Amino acid sequence: MLPLYGLAVVAAKQGDPAAFVAATIVVAQATMALASLIAVRMSERRGLWWLMLVSFAALPVRAAIAASAIKAWSEASGHR
């Protein structure tokens, strides 16, 4: 999903493409490091079933947030 997000921002001509993609990769890696720590605790307390359920539910939520962010940036800059 991250490469598609980067392509959408580049297509909308929003900022420096290289810096944007680099920043999103760093943020994604930092988020995954934190999520892995939370996942260990969650699996110990509630089991792997709940961890898998949260994992699968998070993907459409992330996609919706990314899509709305692209749309908001495009509308703010006058691109459609």
C-alpha atoms as a PDB file:
ATOM      1  CA  MET A   1       0.000   0.000   0.000  1.00  0.00           C
ATOM      2  CA  LEU A   2       2.885   2.380   0.684  1.00  0.00           C
ATOM      3  CA  PRO A   3       4.188   2.437  -2.932  1.00  0.00           C
ATOM      4  CA  LEU A   4       0.670   3.198  -4.199  1.00  0.00           C
ATOM      5  CA  TYR A   5       0.345   5.990  -1.662  1.00  0.00           C
ATOM      6  CA  GLY A   6       3.653   7.479  -2.805  1.00  0.00           C
ATOM      7  CA  LEU A   7       2.585   7.281  -6.448  1.00  0.00           C
ATOM      8  CA  ALA A   8      -0.697   9.035  -5.674  1.00  0.00           C
ATOM      9  CA  VAL A   9       1.096  11.911  -3.957  1.00  0.00           C
ATOM     10  CA  VAL A  10       3.552  12.230  -6.847  1.00  0.00           C
ATOM     11  CA  ALA A  11       0.686  12.172  -9.359  1.00  0.00           C
ATOM     12  CA  ALA A  12      -1.057  14.949  -7.411  1.00  0.00           C
ATOM     13  CA  LYS A  13       2.239  16.926  -7.512  1.00  0.00           C
ATOM     14  CA  GLN A  14       2.377  17.300  -3.745  1.00  0.00           C
ATOM     15  CA  GLY A  15       5.832  18.206  -2.473  1.00  0.00           C
ATOM     16  CA  ASP A  16       9.184  16.548  -3.103  1.00  0.00           C
ATOM     17  CA  PRO A  17       8.544  12.927  -4.156  1.00  0.00           C
ATOM     18  CA  ALA A  18      11.831  11.500  -2.840  1.00  0.00           C
ATOM     19  CA  ALA A  19      11.543  13.194   0.544  1.00  0.00           C
ATOM     20  CA  PHE A  20       7.897  12.195   0.869  1.00  0.00           C
ATOM     21  CA  VAL A  21       8.525   8.526   0.109  1.00  0.00           C
ATOM     22  CA  ALA A  22      11.529   8.461   2.444  1.00  0.00           C
ATOM     23  CA  ALA A  23       9.512  10.047   5.259  1.00  0.00           C
ATOM     24  CA  THR A  24       6.612   7.626   4.819  1.00  0.00           C
ATOM     25  CA  ILE A  25       8.989   4.657   4.937  1.00  0.00           C
ATOM     26  CA  VAL A  26      10.579   5.905   8.171  1.00  0.00           C
ATOM     27  CA  VAL A  27       7.155   6.517   9.744  1.00  0.00           C
ATOM     28  CA  ALA A  28       5.925   3.090   8.629  1.00  0.00           C
ATOM     29  CA  GLN A  29       8.958   1.328  10.113  1.00  0.00           C
ATOM     30  CA  ALA A  30       8.696   3.215  13.406  1.00  0.00           C
ATOM     31  CA  THR A  31       4.993   2.402  13.601  1.00  0.00           C
ATOM     32  CA  MET A  32       5.654  -1.279  12.951  1.00  0.00           C
ATOM     33  CA  ALA A  33       8.305  -1.395  15.687  1.00  0.00           C
ATOM     34  CA  LEU A  34       5.778  -0.006  18.174  1.00  0.00           C
ATOM     35  CA  ALA A  35       3.005  -2.261  16.840  1.00  0.00           C
ATOM     36  CA  SER A  36       5.167  -5.352  17.271  1.00  0.00           C
ATOM     37  CA  LEU A  37       5.679  -4.542  20.956  1.00  0.00           C
ATOM     38  CA  ILE A  38       1.951  -4.069  21.420  1.00  0.00           C
ATOM     39  CA  ALA A  39       1.239  -7.276  19.499  1.00  0.00           C
ATOM     40  CA  VAL A  40       3.396  -9.348  21.834  1.00  0.00           C
ATOM     41  CA  ARG A  41       1.531  -8.060  24.863  1.00  0.00           C
ATOM     42  CA  MET A  42      -1.834  -8.496  23.182  1.00  0.00           C
ATOM     43  CA  SER A  43      -1.088 -12.087  22.157  1.00  0.00           C
ATOM     44  CA  GLU A  44      -0.022 -12.936  25.697  1.00  0.00           C
ATOM     45  CA  ARG A  45      -3.171 -11.476  27.235  1.00  0.00           C
ATOM     46  CA  ARG A  46      -5.889 -12.276  24.701  1.00  0.00           C
ATOM     47  CA  GLY A  47      -4.417 -14.920  22.401  1.00  0.00           C
ATOM     48  CA  LEU A  48      -3.479 -14.979  18.757  1.00  0.00           C
ATOM     49  CA  TRP A  49      -7.073 -14.971  17.463  1.00  0.00           C
ATOM     50  CA  TRP A  50      -7.685 -11.390  18.643  1.00  0.00           C
ATOM     51  CA  LEU A  51      -4.321 -10.297  17.314  1.00  0.00           C
ATOM     52  CA  MET A  52      -5.173 -11.642  13.859  1.00  0.00           C
ATOM     53  CA  LEU A  53      -8.613 -10.013  13.966  1.00  0.00           C
ATOM     54  CA  VAL A  54      -7.151  -6.599  14.800  1.00  0.00           C
ATOM     55  CA  SER A  55      -4.479  -7.045  12.124  1.00  0.00           C
ATOM     56  CA  PHE A  56      -6.988  -7.791   9.383  1.00  0.00           C
ATOM     57  CA  ALA A  57      -9.320  -4.997  10.515  1.00  0.00           C
ATOM     58  CA  ALA A  58      -6.510  -2.432  10.461  1.00  0.00           C
ATOM     59  CA  LEU A  59      -5.782  -2.703   6.729  1.00  0.00           C
ATOM     60  CA  PRO A  60      -9.060  -1.211   5.425  1.00  0.00           C
ATOM     61  CA  VAL A  61      -8.864   1.490   8.090  1.00  0.00           C
ATOM     62  CA  ARG A  62      -5.352   2.418   6.941  1.00  0.00           C
ATOM     63  CA  ALA A  63      -6.498   2.448   3.314  1.00  0.00           C
ATOM     64  CA  ALA A  64      -9.421   4.756   4.119  1.00  0.00           C
ATOM     65  CA  ILE A  65      -7.166   7.162   6.014  1.00  0.00           C
ATOM     66  CA  ALA A  66      -4.628   7.228   3.175  1.00  0.00           C
ATOM     67  CA  ALA A  67      -7.342   7.764   0.556  1.00  0.00           C
ATOM     68  CA  SER A  68      -8.915  10.623   2.495  1.00  0.00           C
ATOM     69  CA  ALA A  69      -5.514  12.247   3.052  1.00  0.00           C
ATOM     70  CA  ILE A  70      -4.735  12.145  -0.685  1.00  0.00           C
ATOM     71  CA  LYS A  71      -8.168  13.549  -1.501  1.00  0.00           C
ATOM     72  CA  ALA A  72      -7.784  16.352   1.061  1.00  0.00           C
ATOM     73  CA  TRP A  73      -4.327  17.300  -0.262  1.00  0.00           C
ATOM     74  CA  SER A  74      -5.557  17.299  -3.850  1.00  0.00           C
ATOM     75  CA  GLU A  75      -8.552  19.498  -3.041  1.00  0.00           C
ATOM     76  CA  ALA A  76      -6.456  21.892  -0.961  1.00  0.00           C
ATOM     77  CA  SER A  77      -3.986  22.407  -3.794  1.00  0.00           C
ATOM     78  CA  GLY A  78      -6.654  22.711  -6.483  1.00  0.00           C
ATOM     79  CA  HIS A  79      -5.845  19.375  -8.218  1.00  0.00           C
ATOM     80  CA  ARG A  80      -8.510  16.763  -8.910  1.00  0.00           C
END
